Amino acid sequence: MEQNGYVYTEAKQMITTYLRLKEDELQPDSHIVDDIGADSLALVELGFQISEKFGVPIVDTSDDKLIFKNLVAYIEQHMQEQAKS
């Protein structure tokens, strides 16, 4: 996961904009619920936005996927798999 990569940058902008955060409030190890304070409605909306932007279905909201760097890795992996198809 590149911290200046396309997915990282776009996902960070999407999350910080939606949750009205400063850029430095969302770090790679940030848990989107526990550290950032997103509620269930925010998770649904962000999942929809991510799905629309990257073409990635967000159906698994297990605890590890709610850590920002893991979410980015999931999106990148899914996009790579789609590119191979």
PDB file of N, CA and C in Angstrom:
ATOM      1  N   MET A   1       0.842  -1.173   0.000  1.00  0.00           N
ATOM      2  CA  MET A   1       0.000   0.000   0.000  1.00  0.00           C
ATOM      3  C   MET A   1       0.890   1.240   0.000  1.00  0.00           C
ATOM      4  N   GLU A   2       0.812   1.990  -1.053  1.00  0.00           N
ATOM      5  CA  GLU A   2       1.551   3.244  -1.139  1.00  0.00           C
ATOM      6  C   GLU A   2       0.724   4.369  -0.540  1.00  0.00           C
ATOM      7  N   GLN A   3       1.335   5.107   0.381  1.00  0.00           N
ATOM      8  CA  GLN A   3       0.599   6.204   1.006  1.00  0.00           C
ATOM      9  C   GLN A   3       0.377   7.374   0.059  1.00  0.00           C
ATOM     10  N   ASN A   4       1.040   7.366  -1.071  1.00  0.00           N
ATOM     11  CA  ASN A   4       0.775   8.408  -2.059  1.00  0.00           C
ATOM     12  C   ASN A   4       0.169   7.804  -3.318  1.00  0.00           C
ATOM     13  N   GLY A   5      -0.248   6.546  -3.231  1.00  0.00           N
ATOM     14  CA  GLY A   5      -0.859   5.876  -4.364  1.00  0.00           C
ATOM     15  C   GLY A   5      -2.276   6.370  -4.614  1.00  0.00           C
ATOM     16  N   TYR A   6      -2.772   6.043  -5.785  1.00  0.00           N
ATOM     17  CA  TYR A   6      -4.095   6.504  -6.217  1.00  0.00           C
ATOM     18  C   TYR A   6      -5.197   6.078  -5.250  1.00  0.00           C
ATOM     19  N   VAL A   7      -5.264   4.784  -4.930  1.00  0.00           N
ATOM     20  CA  VAL A   7      -6.345   4.287  -4.071  1.00  0.00           C
ATOM     21  C   VAL A   7      -6.252   4.917  -2.687  1.00  0.00           C
ATOM     22  N   TYR A   8      -5.055   4.942  -2.117  1.00  0.00           N
ATOM     23  CA  TYR A   8      -4.856   5.525  -0.793  1.00  0.00           C
ATOM     24  C   TYR A   8      -5.328   6.981  -0.771  1.00  0.00           C
ATOM     25  N   THR A   9      -4.865   7.754  -1.746  1.00  0.00           N
ATOM     26  CA  THR A   9      -5.189   9.180  -1.801  1.00  0.00           C
ATOM     27  C   THR A   9      -6.680   9.419  -1.997  1.00  0.00           C
ATOM     28  N   GLU A  10      -7.273   8.709  -2.938  1.00  0.00           N
ATOM     29  CA  GLU A  10      -8.700   8.896  -3.226  1.00  0.00           C
ATOM     30  C   GLU A  10      -9.574   8.435  -2.058  1.00  0.00           C
ATOM     31  N   ALA A  11      -9.249   7.281  -1.476  1.00  0.00           N
ATOM     32  CA  ALA A  11     -10.037   6.770  -0.348  1.00  0.00           C
ATOM     33  C   ALA A  11      -9.911   7.700   0.856  1.00  0.00           C
ATOM     34  N   LYS A  12      -8.709   8.196   1.096  1.00  0.00           N
ATOM     35  CA  LYS A  12      -8.506   9.110   2.224  1.00  0.00           C
ATOM     36  C   LYS A  12      -9.306  10.392   2.020  1.00  0.00           C
ATOM     37  N   GLN A  13      -9.263  10.928   0.821  1.00  0.00           N
ATOM     38  CA  GLN A  13     -10.024  12.148   0.538  1.00  0.00           C
ATOM     39  C   GLN A  13     -11.519  11.900   0.706  1.00  0.00           C
ATOM     40  N   MET A  14     -11.984  10.757   0.225  1.00  0.00           N
ATOM     41  CA  MET A  14     -13.400  10.420   0.316  1.00  0.00           C
ATOM     42  C   MET A  14     -13.849  10.339   1.782  1.00  0.00           C
ATOM     43  N   ILE A  15     -13.072   9.640   2.591  1.00  0.00           N
ATOM     44  CA  ILE A  15     -13.430   9.443   3.998  1.00  0.00           C
ATOM     45  C   ILE A  15     -13.316  10.747   4.783  1.00  0.00           C
ATOM     46  N   THR A  16     -12.218  11.473   4.594  1.00  0.00           N
ATOM     47  CA  THR A  16     -12.053  12.720   5.350  1.00  0.00           C
ATOM     48  C   THR A  16     -13.104  13.756   4.957  1.00  0.00           C
ATOM     49  N   THR A  17     -13.459  13.798   3.698  1.00  0.00           N
ATOM     50  CA  THR A  17     -14.497  14.741   3.260  1.00  0.00           C
ATOM     51  C   THR A  17     -15.847  14.368   3.855  1.00  0.00           C
ATOM     52  N   TYR A  18     -16.221  13.095   3.736  1.00  0.00           N
ATOM     53  CA  TYR A  18     -17.532  12.664   4.226  1.00  0.00           C
ATOM     54  C   TYR A  18     -17.659  12.847   5.739  1.00  0.00           C
ATOM     55  N   LEU A  19     -16.590  12.514   6.471  1.00  0.00           N
ATOM     56  CA  LEU A  19     -16.641  12.597   7.930  1.00  0.00           C
ATOM     57  C   LEU A  19     -16.165  13.949   8.466  1.00  0.00           C
ATOM     58  N   ARG A  20     -15.841  14.859   7.557  1.00  0.00           N
ATOM     59  CA  ARG A  20     -15.384  16.210   7.922  1.00  0.00           C
ATOM     60  C   ARG A  20     -14.187  16.165   8.867  1.00  0.00           C
ATOM     61  N   LEU A  21     -13.174  15.434   8.437  1.00  0.00           N
ATOM     62  CA  LEU A  21     -11.946  15.289   9.211  1.00  0.00           C
ATOM     63  C   LEU A  21     -10.834  16.103   8.574  1.00  0.00           C
ATOM     64  N   LYS A  22      -9.830  16.431   9.384  1.00  0.00           N
ATOM     65  CA  LYS A  22      -8.593  16.978   8.840  1.00  0.00           C
ATOM     66  C   LYS A  22      -7.806  15.793   8.278  1.00  0.00           C
ATOM     67  N   GLU A  23      -6.996  16.052   7.256  1.00  0.00           N
ATOM     68  CA  GLU A  23      -6.241  14.973   6.609  1.00  0.00           C
ATOM     69  C   GLU A  23      -5.423  14.162   7.609  1.00  0.00           C
ATOM     70  N   ASP A  24      -4.796  14.834   8.592  1.00  0.00           N
ATOM     71  CA  ASP A  24      -3.923  14.121   9.521  1.00  0.00           C
ATOM     72  C   ASP A  24      -4.692  13.321  10.578  1.00  0.00           C
ATOM     73  N   GLU A  25      -6.001  13.445  10.614  1.00  0.00           N
ATOM     74  CA  GLU A  25      -6.796  12.671  11.566  1.00  0.00           C
ATOM     75  C   GLU A  25      -7.005  11.233  11.108  1.00  0.00           C
ATOM     76  N   LEU A  26      -6.823  10.967   9.826  1.00  0.00           N
ATOM     77  CA  LEU A  26      -6.971   9.616   9.293  1.00  0.00           C
ATOM     78  C   LEU A  26      -5.596   9.089   8.922  1.00  0.00           C
ATOM     79  N   GLN A  27      -5.105   8.174   9.736  1.00  0.00           N
ATOM     80  CA  GLN A  27      -3.790   7.567   9.537  1.00  0.00           C
ATOM     81  C   GLN A  27      -3.966   6.134   9.029  1.00  0.00           C
ATOM     82  N   PRO A  28      -2.908   5.533   8.490  1.00  0.00           N
ATOM     83  CA  PRO A  28      -3.034   4.163   7.977  1.00  0.00           C
ATOM     84  C   PRO A  28      -3.589   3.172   9.003  1.00  0.00           C
ATOM     85  N   ASP A  29      -3.203   3.322  10.268  1.00  0.00           N
ATOM     86  CA  ASP A  29      -3.657   2.390  11.304  1.00  0.00           C
ATOM     87  C   ASP A  29      -4.960   2.810  11.974  1.00  0.00           C
ATOM     88  N   SER A  30      -5.585   3.865  11.496  1.00  0.00           N
ATOM     89  CA  SER A  30      -6.838   4.337  12.095  1.00  0.00           C
ATOM     90  C   SER A  30      -7.971   3.353  11.848  1.00  0.00           C
ATOM     91  N   HIS A  31      -8.712   3.059  12.910  1.00  0.00           N
ATOM     92  CA  HIS A  31      -9.924   2.248  12.801  1.00  0.00           C
ATOM     93  C   HIS A  31     -11.060   3.230  12.524  1.00  0.00           C
ATOM     94  N   ILE A  32     -11.781   2.998  11.461  1.00  0.00           N
ATOM     95  CA  ILE A  32     -12.768   3.977  10.994  1.00  0.00           C
ATOM     96  C   ILE A  32     -13.896   4.199  12.001  1.00  0.00           C
ATOM     97  N   VAL A  33     -14.213   3.199  12.799  1.00  0.00           N
ATOM     98  CA  VAL A  33     -15.251   3.361  13.820  1.00  0.00           C
ATOM     99  C   VAL A  33     -14.627   3.766  15.154  1.00  0.00           C
ATOM    100  N   ASP A  34     -13.696   2.958  15.652  1.00  0.00           N
ATOM    101  CA  ASP A  34     -13.153   3.178  16.992  1.00  0.00           C
ATOM    102  C   ASP A  34     -12.324   4.457  17.113  1.00  0.00           C
ATOM    103  N   ASP A  35     -11.495   4.749  16.114  1.00  0.00           N
ATOM    104  CA  ASP A  35     -10.616   5.920  16.195  1.00  0.00           C
ATOM    105  C   ASP A  35     -11.227   7.173  15.581  1.00  0.00           C
ATOM    106  N   ILE A  36     -11.987   6.998  14.519  1.00  0.00           N
ATOM    107  CA  ILE A  36     -12.513   8.137  13.770  1.00  0.00           C
ATOM    108  C   ILE A  36     -13.944   8.471  14.182  1.00  0.00           C
ATOM    109  N   GLY A  37     -14.679   7.481  14.650  1.00  0.00           N
ATOM    110  CA  GLY A  37     -16.024   7.735  15.142  1.00  0.00           C
ATOM    111  C   GLY A  37     -17.139   7.618  14.123  1.00  0.00           C
ATOM    112  N   ALA A  38     -16.892   6.924  13.017  1.00  0.00           N
ATOM    113  CA  ALA A  38     -17.953   6.739  12.021  1.00  0.00           C
ATOM    114  C   ALA A  38     -19.047   5.847  12.602  1.00  0.00           C
ATOM    115  N   ASP A  39     -20.300   6.203  12.341  1.00  0.00           N
ATOM    116  CA  ASP A  39     -21.414   5.369  12.790  1.00  0.00           C
ATOM    117  C   ASP A  39     -21.853   4.447  11.653  1.00  0.00           C
ATOM    118  N   SER A  40     -22.871   3.645  11.907  1.00  0.00           N
ATOM    119  CA  SER A  40     -23.302   2.651  10.917  1.00  0.00           C
ATOM    120  C   SER A  40     -23.818   3.301   9.636  1.00  0.00           C
ATOM    121  N   LEU A  41     -24.494   4.421   9.750  1.00  0.00           N
ATOM    122  CA  LEU A  41     -24.973   5.119   8.558  1.00  0.00           C
ATOM    123  C   LEU A  41     -23.798   5.614   7.715  1.00  0.00           C
ATOM    124  N   ALA A  42     -22.784   6.148   8.371  1.00  0.00           N
ATOM    125  CA  ALA A  42     -21.587   6.609   7.659  1.00  0.00           C
ATOM    126  C   ALA A  42     -20.901   5.444   6.962  1.00  0.00           C
ATOM    127  N   LEU A  43     -20.844   4.281   7.617  1.00  0.00           N
ATOM    128  CA  LEU A  43     -20.224   3.107   6.996  1.00  0.00           C
ATOM    129  C   LEU A  43     -20.969   2.679   5.744  1.00  0.00           C
ATOM    130  N   VAL A  44     -22.287   2.707   5.807  1.00  0.00           N
ATOM    131  CA  VAL A  44     -23.087   2.336   4.637  1.00  0.00           C
ATOM    132  C   VAL A  44     -22.834   3.320   3.501  1.00  0.00           C
ATOM    133  N   GLU A  45     -22.867   4.599   3.796  1.00  0.00           N
ATOM    134  CA  GLU A  45     -22.656   5.620   2.762  1.00  0.00           C
ATOM    135  C   GLU A  45     -21.245   5.544   2.190  1.00  0.00           C
ATOM    136  N   LEU A  46     -20.254   5.399   3.051  1.00  0.00           N
ATOM    137  CA  LEU A  46     -18.877   5.286   2.564  1.00  0.00           C
ATOM    138  C   LEU A  46     -18.694   4.019   1.737  1.00  0.00           C
ATOM    139  N   GLY A  47     -19.315   2.924   2.169  1.00  0.00           N
ATOM    140  CA  GLY A  47     -19.255   1.684   1.395  1.00  0.00           C
ATOM    141  C   GLY A  47     -19.834   1.870   0.007  1.00  0.00           C
ATOM    142  N   PHE A  48     -20.941   2.586  -0.076  1.00  0.00           N
ATOM    143  CA  PHE A  48     -21.562   2.870  -1.368  1.00  0.00           C
ATOM    144  C   PHE A  48     -20.643   3.732  -2.232  1.00  0.00           C
ATOM    145  N   GLN A  49     -20.073   4.775  -1.642  1.00  0.00           N
ATOM    146  CA  GLN A  49     -19.179   5.662  -2.393  1.00  0.00           C
ATOM    147  C   GLN A  49     -17.944   4.918  -2.893  1.00  0.00           C
ATOM    148  N   ILE A  50     -17.372   4.084  -2.041  1.00  0.00           N
ATOM    149  CA  ILE A  50     -16.187   3.307  -2.424  1.00  0.00           C
ATOM    150  C   ILE A  50     -16.532   2.338  -3.540  1.00  0.00           C
ATOM    151  N   SER A  51     -17.665   1.696  -3.412  1.00  0.00           N
ATOM    152  CA  SER A  51     -18.115   0.764  -4.446  1.00  0.00           C
ATOM    153  C   SER A  51     -18.291   1.475  -5.783  1.00  0.00           C
ATOM    154  N   GLU A  52     -18.900   2.642  -5.756  1.00  0.00           N
ATOM    155  CA  GLU A  52     -19.107   3.430  -6.979  1.00  0.00           C
ATOM    156  C   GLU A  52     -17.782   3.894  -7.583  1.00  0.00           C
ATOM    157  N   LYS A  53     -16.887   4.374  -6.746  1.00  0.00           N
ATOM    158  CA  LYS A  53     -15.620   4.950  -7.215  1.00  0.00           C
ATOM    159  C   LYS A  53     -14.675   3.891  -7.771  1.00  0.00           C
ATOM    160  N   PHE A  54     -14.549   2.768  -7.049  1.00  0.00           N
ATOM    161  CA  PHE A  54     -13.533   1.783  -7.394  1.00  0.00           C
ATOM    162  C   PHE A  54     -14.098   0.499  -8.001  1.00  0.00           C
ATOM    163  N   GLY A  55     -15.413   0.363  -8.031  1.00  0.00           N
ATOM    164  CA  GLY A  55     -16.014  -0.858  -8.560  1.00  0.00           C
ATOM    165  C   GLY A  55     -15.788  -2.061  -7.668  1.00  0.00           C
ATOM    166  N   VAL A  56     -15.699  -1.813  -6.378  1.00  0.00           N
ATOM    167  CA  VAL A  56     -15.404  -2.849  -5.394  1.00  0.00           C
ATOM    168  C   VAL A  56     -16.613  -3.042  -4.491  1.00  0.00           C
ATOM    169  N   PRO A  57     -17.147  -4.252  -4.420  1.00  0.00           N
ATOM    170  CA  PRO A  57     -18.266  -4.465  -3.495  1.00  0.00           C
ATOM    171  C   PRO A  57     -17.771  -4.453  -2.050  1.00  0.00           C
ATOM    172  N   ILE A  58     -18.402  -3.656  -1.238  1.00  0.00           N
ATOM    173  CA  ILE A  58     -18.052  -3.608   0.183  1.00  0.00           C
ATOM    174  C   ILE A  58     -19.179  -4.299   0.941  1.00  0.00           C
ATOM    175  N   VAL A  59     -19.038  -5.588   1.113  1.00  0.00           N
ATOM    176  CA  VAL A  59     -20.048  -6.349   1.840  1.00  0.00           C
ATOM    177  C   VAL A  59     -19.506  -6.842   3.171  1.00  0.00           C
ATOM    178  N   ASP A  60     -18.194  -6.888   3.289  1.00  0.00           N
ATOM    179  CA  ASP A  60     -17.555  -7.380   4.503  1.00  0.00           C
ATOM    180  C   ASP A  60     -17.092  -6.187   5.328  1.00  0.00           C
ATOM    181  N   THR A  61     -17.753  -5.961   6.438  1.00  0.00           N
ATOM    182  CA  THR A  61     -17.331  -4.878   7.324  1.00  0.00           C
ATOM    183  C   THR A  61     -16.752  -5.446   8.612  1.00  0.00           C
ATOM    184  N   SER A  62     -16.032  -6.567   8.469  1.00  0.00           N
ATOM    185  CA  SER A  62     -15.389  -7.152   9.636  1.00  0.00           C
ATOM    186  C   SER A  62     -14.387  -6.154  10.208  1.00  0.00           C
ATOM    187  N   ASP A  63     -14.082  -6.335  11.459  1.00  0.00           N
ATOM    188  CA  ASP A  63     -13.284  -5.368  12.201  1.00  0.00           C
ATOM    189  C   ASP A  63     -11.965  -5.035  11.512  1.00  0.00           C
ATOM    190  N   ASP A  64     -11.286  -6.037  10.940  1.00  0.00           N
ATOM    191  CA  ASP A  64      -9.989  -5.761  10.319  1.00  0.00           C
ATOM    192  C   ASP A  64     -10.116  -4.921   9.052  1.00  0.00           C
ATOM    193  N   LYS A  65     -11.245  -5.010   8.353  1.00  0.00           N
ATOM    194  CA  LYS A  65     -11.442  -4.207   7.135  1.00  0.00           C
ATOM    195  C   LYS A  65     -11.753  -2.746   7.470  1.00  0.00           C
ATOM    196  N   LEU A  66     -12.067  -2.470   8.716  1.00  0.00           N
ATOM    197  CA  LEU A  66     -12.372  -1.101   9.120  1.00  0.00           C
ATOM    198  C   LEU A  66     -11.123  -0.321   9.518  1.00  0.00           C
ATOM    199  N   ILE A  67      -9.965  -0.970   9.443  1.00  0.00           N
ATOM    200  CA  ILE A  67      -8.698  -0.266   9.619  1.00  0.00           C
ATOM    201  C   ILE A  67      -8.331   0.285   8.245  1.00  0.00           C
ATOM    202  N   PHE A  68      -8.035   1.566   8.178  1.00  0.00           N
ATOM    203  CA  PHE A  68      -7.895   2.245   6.891  1.00  0.00           C
ATOM    204  C   PHE A  68      -6.925   1.539   5.947  1.00  0.00           C
ATOM    205  N   LYS A  69      -5.733   1.171   6.428  1.00  0.00           N
ATOM    206  CA  LYS A  69      -4.758   0.541   5.529  1.00  0.00           C
ATOM    207  C   LYS A  69      -5.263  -0.803   5.011  1.00  0.00           C
ATOM    208  N   ASN A  70      -6.045  -1.527   5.808  1.00  0.00           N
ATOM    209  CA  ASN A  70      -6.606  -2.805   5.356  1.00  0.00           C
ATOM    210  C   ASN A  70      -7.695  -2.583   4.314  1.00  0.00           C
ATOM    211  N   LEU A  71      -8.461  -1.535   4.482  1.00  0.00           N
ATOM    212  CA  LEU A  71      -9.480  -1.194   3.492  1.00  0.00           C
ATOM    213  C   LEU A  71      -8.823  -0.861   2.158  1.00  0.00           C
ATOM    214  N   VAL A  72      -7.760  -0.066   2.199  1.00  0.00           N
ATOM    215  CA  VAL A  72      -7.037   0.292   0.975  1.00  0.00           C
ATOM    216  C   VAL A  72      -6.464  -0.959   0.317  1.00  0.00           C
ATOM    217  N   ALA A  73      -5.864  -1.845   1.109  1.00  0.00           N
ATOM    218  CA  ALA A  73      -5.300  -3.087   0.563  1.00  0.00           C
ATOM    219  C   ALA A  73      -6.391  -3.942  -0.076  1.00  0.00           C
ATOM    220  N   TYR A  74      -7.562  -4.011   0.546  1.00  0.00           N
ATOM    221  CA  TYR A  74      -8.687  -4.767  -0.003  1.00  0.00           C
ATOM    222  C   TYR A  74      -9.112  -4.198  -1.353  1.00  0.00           C
ATOM    223  N   ILE A  75      -9.225  -2.882  -1.442  1.00  0.00           N
ATOM    224  CA  ILE A  75      -9.623  -2.236  -2.696  1.00  0.00           C
ATOM    225  C   ILE A  75      -8.584  -2.513  -3.775  1.00  0.00           C
ATOM    226  N   GLU A  76      -7.297  -2.338  -3.436  1.00  0.00           N
ATOM    227  CA  GLU A  76      -6.227  -2.568  -4.413  1.00  0.00           C
ATOM    228  C   GLU A  76      -6.226  -4.009  -4.905  1.00  0.00           C
ATOM    229  N   GLN A  77      -6.391  -4.956  -3.988  1.00  0.00           N
ATOM    230  CA  GLN A  77      -6.410  -6.371  -4.364  1.00  0.00           C
ATOM    231  C   GLN A  77      -7.585  -6.660  -5.299  1.00  0.00           C
ATOM    232  N   HIS A  78      -8.743  -6.151  -4.967  1.00  0.00           N
ATOM    233  CA  HIS A  78      -9.930  -6.389  -5.792  1.00  0.00           C
ATOM    234  C   HIS A  78      -9.749  -5.775  -7.177  1.00  0.00           C
ATOM    235  N   MET A  79      -9.175  -4.591  -7.246  1.00  0.00           N
ATOM    236  CA  MET A  79      -8.953  -3.941  -8.537  1.00  0.00           C
ATOM    237  C   MET A  79      -7.952  -4.729  -9.387  1.00  0.00           C
ATOM    238  N   GLN A  80      -6.923  -5.286  -8.754  1.00  0.00           N
ATOM    239  CA  GLN A  80      -5.949  -6.103  -9.484  1.00  0.00           C
ATOM    240  C   GLN A  80      -6.601  -7.367 -10.023  1.00  0.00           C
ATOM    241  N   GLU A  81      -7.455  -7.986  -9.220  1.00  0.00           N
ATOM    242  CA  GLU A  81      -8.155  -9.194  -9.663  1.00  0.00           C
ATOM    243  C   GLU A  81      -9.084  -8.877 -10.828  1.00  0.00           C
ATOM    244  N   GLN A  82      -9.754  -7.731 -10.772  1.00  0.00           N
ATOM    245  CA  GLN A  82     -10.641  -7.323 -11.860  1.00  0.00           C
ATOM    246  C   GLN A  82      -9.852  -7.063 -13.140  1.00  0.00           C
ATOM    247  N   ALA A  83      -8.657  -6.500 -13.005  1.00  0.00           N
ATOM    248  CA  ALA A  83      -7.830  -6.191 -14.174  1.00  0.00           C
ATOM    249  C   ALA A  83      -7.358  -7.469 -14.869  1.00  0.00           C
ATOM    250  N   LYS A  84      -7.171  -8.545 -14.105  1.00  0.00           N
ATOM    251  CA  LYS A  84      -6.728  -9.821 -14.674  1.00  0.00           C
ATOM    252  C   LYS A  84      -7.846 -10.534 -15.413  1.00  0.00           C
ATOM    253  N   SER A  85      -9.082 -10.225 -15.058  1.00  0.00           N
ATOM    254  CA  SER A  85     -10.236 -10.910 -15.662  1.00  0.00           C
ATOM    255  C   SER A  85     -10.513 -10.438 -17.062  1.00  0.00           C
TER     256      SER A  85
END
